Amino acid sequence: MSRSKKKTPICGIAANNSEKEDKRRVNRKFRHKERIAINKDKDPPEDLDEIETEWEFNKDGRQYFDPDKFPELMRK
């Protein structure tokens, strides 16, 4: 794997490399609200966007880049 390359020239924007902690936090909130709604015989939330949107995450999304200009970003 030391010489493996990305197939798609895309990288994240911002200092945070991962959205893992944000996704864990939102899923915990979602499950909590779902449990409460089921116990109260109400409709549970439809999806995660009702809890928190991707725009509130630490990483601000992704962007494409030119692999010829930045070959170091094509490394895994």
N, C-alpha and C. Protein backbone atom coordinates (compact mmCIF):
# COMPACT_ATOMS: atom_id res chain seq x y z
N MET A 1 0.80 -1.20 0.00
CA MET A 1 0.00 0.00 0.00
C MET A 1 0.85 1.26 0.00
N SER A 2 2.15 1.14 0.11
CA SER A 2 2.98 2.33 0.20
C SER A 2 3.00 3.12 -1.11
N ARG A 3 2.67 2.48 -2.21
CA ARG A 3 2.69 3.17 -3.50
C ARG A 3 1.29 3.35 -4.07
N SER A 4 0.29 3.20 -3.25
CA SER A 4 -1.07 3.31 -3.76
C SER A 4 -1.43 4.76 -4.03
N LYS A 5 -2.25 4.97 -5.02
CA LYS A 5 -2.64 6.32 -5.45
C LYS A 5 -4.16 6.44 -5.41
N LYS A 6 -4.64 7.66 -5.22
CA LYS A 6 -6.07 7.94 -5.31
C LYS A 6 -6.49 7.86 -6.77
N LYS A 7 -7.73 7.50 -6.99
CA LYS A 7 -8.25 7.48 -8.35
C LYS A 7 -8.94 8.78 -8.70
N THR A 8 -9.51 9.46 -7.70
CA THR A 8 -10.25 10.70 -7.92
C THR A 8 -9.50 11.86 -7.27
N PRO A 9 -9.21 12.92 -8.02
CA PRO A 9 -8.49 14.06 -7.44
C PRO A 9 -9.43 14.95 -6.63
N ILE A 10 -9.67 14.58 -5.39
CA ILE A 10 -10.56 15.35 -4.52
C ILE A 10 -9.97 15.36 -3.11
N CYS A 11 -10.10 16.49 -2.40
CA CYS A 11 -9.60 16.56 -1.03
C CYS A 11 -10.52 17.44 -0.20
N GLY A 12 -10.39 17.35 1.10
CA GLY A 12 -11.24 18.11 2.01
C GLY A 12 -10.76 19.54 2.19
N ILE A 13 -11.70 20.41 2.53
CA ILE A 13 -11.40 21.82 2.80
C ILE A 13 -11.41 21.99 4.31
N ALA A 14 -10.45 22.65 4.88
CA ALA A 14 -10.36 23.00 6.31
C ALA A 14 -9.26 22.20 6.96
N ALA A 15 -9.03 22.50 8.23
CA ALA A 15 -7.94 21.88 8.96
C ALA A 15 -8.29 20.47 9.42
N ASN A 16 -9.56 20.17 9.55
CA ASN A 16 -9.99 18.87 10.06
C ASN A 16 -9.92 17.84 8.93
N ASN A 17 -9.26 16.71 9.17
CA ASN A 17 -9.12 15.69 8.15
C ASN A 17 -10.33 14.77 8.04
N SER A 18 -11.08 14.64 9.10
CA SER A 18 -12.14 13.65 9.14
C SER A 18 -13.43 14.23 9.69
N GLU A 19 -14.54 13.64 9.28
CA GLU A 19 -15.86 14.01 9.80
C GLU A 19 -16.37 12.95 10.77
N LYS A 20 -15.50 12.05 11.17
CA LYS A 20 -15.92 10.92 11.99
C LYS A 20 -16.57 11.35 13.30
N GLU A 21 -15.95 12.26 14.04
CA GLU A 21 -16.52 12.69 15.32
C GLU A 21 -17.85 13.41 15.12
N ASP A 22 -17.95 14.22 14.06
CA ASP A 22 -19.21 14.92 13.78
C ASP A 22 -20.32 13.92 13.47
N LYS A 23 -20.01 12.92 12.67
CA LYS A 23 -21.01 11.92 12.30
C LYS A 23 -21.44 11.12 13.53
N ARG A 24 -20.49 10.79 14.40
CA ARG A 24 -20.83 10.06 15.62
C ARG A 24 -21.75 10.88 16.51
N ARG A 25 -21.44 12.18 16.65
CA ARG A 25 -22.25 13.06 17.49
C ARG A 25 -23.68 13.17 16.95
N VAL A 26 -23.82 13.36 15.65
CA VAL A 26 -25.15 13.51 15.05
C VAL A 26 -25.94 12.21 15.14
N ASN A 27 -25.30 11.08 14.92
CA ASN A 27 -26.01 9.80 15.01
C ASN A 27 -26.46 9.51 16.43
N ARG A 28 -25.66 9.89 17.42
CA ARG A 28 -26.08 9.71 18.81
C ARG A 28 -27.30 10.56 19.12
N LYS A 29 -27.29 11.83 18.66
CA LYS A 29 -28.45 12.70 18.87
C LYS A 29 -29.68 12.13 18.17
N PHE A 30 -29.49 11.62 16.96
CA PHE A 30 -30.60 11.05 16.19
C PHE A 30 -31.21 9.85 16.91
N ARG A 31 -30.37 8.93 17.36
CA ARG A 31 -30.87 7.75 18.07
C ARG A 31 -31.57 8.13 19.36
N HIS A 32 -31.04 9.14 20.07
CA HIS A 32 -31.66 9.60 21.31
C HIS A 32 -33.06 10.15 21.04
N LYS A 33 -33.19 11.03 20.04
CA LYS A 33 -34.50 11.60 19.71
C LYS A 33 -35.45 10.53 19.19
N GLU A 34 -34.92 9.55 18.47
CA GLU A 34 -35.74 8.46 17.96
C GLU A 34 -36.31 7.63 19.12
N ARG A 35 -35.47 7.31 20.09
CA ARG A 35 -35.93 6.55 21.26
C ARG A 35 -37.01 7.29 22.02
N ILE A 36 -36.82 8.58 22.23
CA ILE A 36 -37.81 9.38 22.96
C ILE A 36 -39.13 9.42 22.20
N ALA A 37 -39.07 9.60 20.88
CA ALA A 37 -40.29 9.67 20.07
C ALA A 37 -41.04 8.35 20.10
N ILE A 38 -40.33 7.24 20.05
CA ILE A 38 -40.98 5.93 20.08
C ILE A 38 -41.65 5.70 21.43
N ASN A 39 -40.99 6.09 22.50
CA ASN A 39 -41.57 5.91 23.84
C ASN A 39 -42.80 6.78 24.06
N LYS A 40 -42.87 7.94 23.38
CA LYS A 40 -44.02 8.83 23.53
C LYS A 40 -45.07 8.61 22.43
N ASP A 41 -44.91 7.57 21.62
CA ASP A 41 -45.81 7.25 20.51
C ASP A 41 -45.95 8.40 19.53
N LYS A 42 -44.85 9.05 19.21
CA LYS A 42 -44.82 10.10 18.20
C LYS A 42 -44.01 9.61 17.01
N ASP A 43 -44.04 10.37 15.92
CA ASP A 43 -43.25 10.01 14.76
C ASP A 43 -41.79 10.36 15.01
N PRO A 44 -40.87 9.41 14.75
CA PRO A 44 -39.45 9.71 14.92
C PRO A 44 -38.97 10.64 13.80
N PRO A 45 -37.81 11.27 13.97
CA PRO A 45 -37.28 12.13 12.91
C PRO A 45 -37.05 11.33 11.63
N GLU A 46 -37.27 11.98 10.50
CA GLU A 46 -37.13 11.31 9.21
C GLU A 46 -35.67 11.02 8.86
N ASP A 47 -34.81 12.04 8.98
CA ASP A 47 -33.41 11.84 8.63
C ASP A 47 -32.51 12.71 9.51
N LEU A 48 -31.22 12.58 9.29
CA LEU A 48 -30.24 13.27 10.13
C LEU A 48 -30.25 14.78 9.95
N ASP A 49 -30.72 15.26 8.79
CA ASP A 49 -30.73 16.71 8.54
C ASP A 49 -31.67 17.45 9.48
N GLU A 50 -32.64 16.76 10.05
CA GLU A 50 -33.52 17.39 11.03
C GLU A 50 -32.77 17.67 12.33
N ILE A 51 -31.73 16.91 12.60
CA ILE A 51 -30.94 17.07 13.82
C ILE A 51 -29.87 18.14 13.61
N GLU A 52 -29.05 17.94 12.59
CA GLU A 52 -27.93 18.83 12.32
C GLU A 52 -27.53 18.65 10.85
N THR A 53 -27.19 19.73 10.17
CA THR A 53 -26.83 19.62 8.76
C THR A 53 -25.33 19.47 8.59
N GLU A 54 -24.92 19.08 7.39
CA GLU A 54 -23.50 18.93 7.10
C GLU A 54 -22.76 20.25 7.19
N TRP A 55 -23.47 21.36 7.03
CA TRP A 55 -22.83 22.67 7.08
C TRP A 55 -22.34 23.01 8.49
N GLU A 56 -22.83 22.31 9.49
CA GLU A 56 -22.40 22.57 10.86
C GLU A 56 -21.21 21.70 11.27
N PHE A 57 -20.75 20.84 10.37
CA PHE A 57 -19.61 19.99 10.67
C PHE A 57 -18.33 20.81 10.62
N ASN A 58 -17.24 20.26 11.22
CA ASN A 58 -15.96 20.97 11.26
C ASN A 58 -15.32 21.08 9.88
N LYS A 59 -15.43 20.02 9.08
CA LYS A 59 -14.86 20.06 7.74
C LYS A 59 -15.87 20.71 6.81
N ASP A 60 -15.42 21.61 5.96
CA ASP A 60 -16.33 22.40 5.13
C ASP A 60 -16.60 21.79 3.77
N GLY A 61 -16.44 20.52 3.61
CA GLY A 61 -16.74 19.89 2.33
C GLY A 61 -15.49 19.45 1.61
N ARG A 62 -15.64 19.26 0.30
CA ARG A 62 -14.54 18.78 -0.52
C ARG A 62 -14.41 19.62 -1.76
N GLN A 63 -13.24 19.52 -2.39
CA GLN A 63 -13.03 20.23 -3.65
C GLN A 63 -12.14 19.39 -4.56
N TYR A 64 -12.33 19.57 -5.85
CA TYR A 64 -11.47 18.91 -6.83
C TYR A 64 -10.21 19.74 -7.02
N PHE A 65 -9.12 19.09 -7.39
CA PHE A 65 -7.87 19.79 -7.65
C PHE A 65 -7.20 19.20 -8.88
N ASP A 66 -6.23 19.91 -9.40
CA ASP A 66 -5.50 19.47 -10.58
C ASP A 66 -4.39 18.51 -10.16
N PRO A 67 -4.50 17.23 -10.53
CA PRO A 67 -3.48 16.27 -10.08
C PRO A 67 -2.10 16.52 -10.68
N ASP A 68 -2.03 17.24 -11.79
CA ASP A 68 -0.73 17.55 -12.38
C ASP A 68 0.02 18.59 -11.56
N LYS A 69 -0.73 19.55 -10.99
CA LYS A 69 -0.11 20.59 -10.18
C LYS A 69 0.25 20.10 -8.78
N PHE A 70 -0.59 19.20 -8.22
CA PHE A 70 -0.41 18.72 -6.85
C PHE A 70 -0.34 17.19 -6.81
N PRO A 71 0.72 16.59 -7.32
CA PRO A 71 0.79 15.11 -7.32
C PRO A 71 0.90 14.51 -5.92
N GLU A 72 1.40 15.31 -4.95
CA GLU A 72 1.53 14.78 -3.58
C GLU A 72 0.17 14.53 -2.94
N LEU A 73 -0.87 15.22 -3.39
CA LEU A 73 -2.21 15.01 -2.85
C LEU A 73 -2.87 13.74 -3.39
N MET A 74 -2.28 13.15 -4.41
CA MET A 74 -2.84 11.91 -4.98
C MET A 74 -2.38 10.69 -4.21
N ARG A 75 -1.46 10.86 -3.25
CA ARG A 75 -1.02 9.74 -2.42
C ARG A 75 -2.08 9.41 -1.41
N LYS A 76 -2.21 8.16 -1.06
CA LYS A 76 -3.16 7.77 0.00
C LYS A 76 -2.50 7.87 1.34
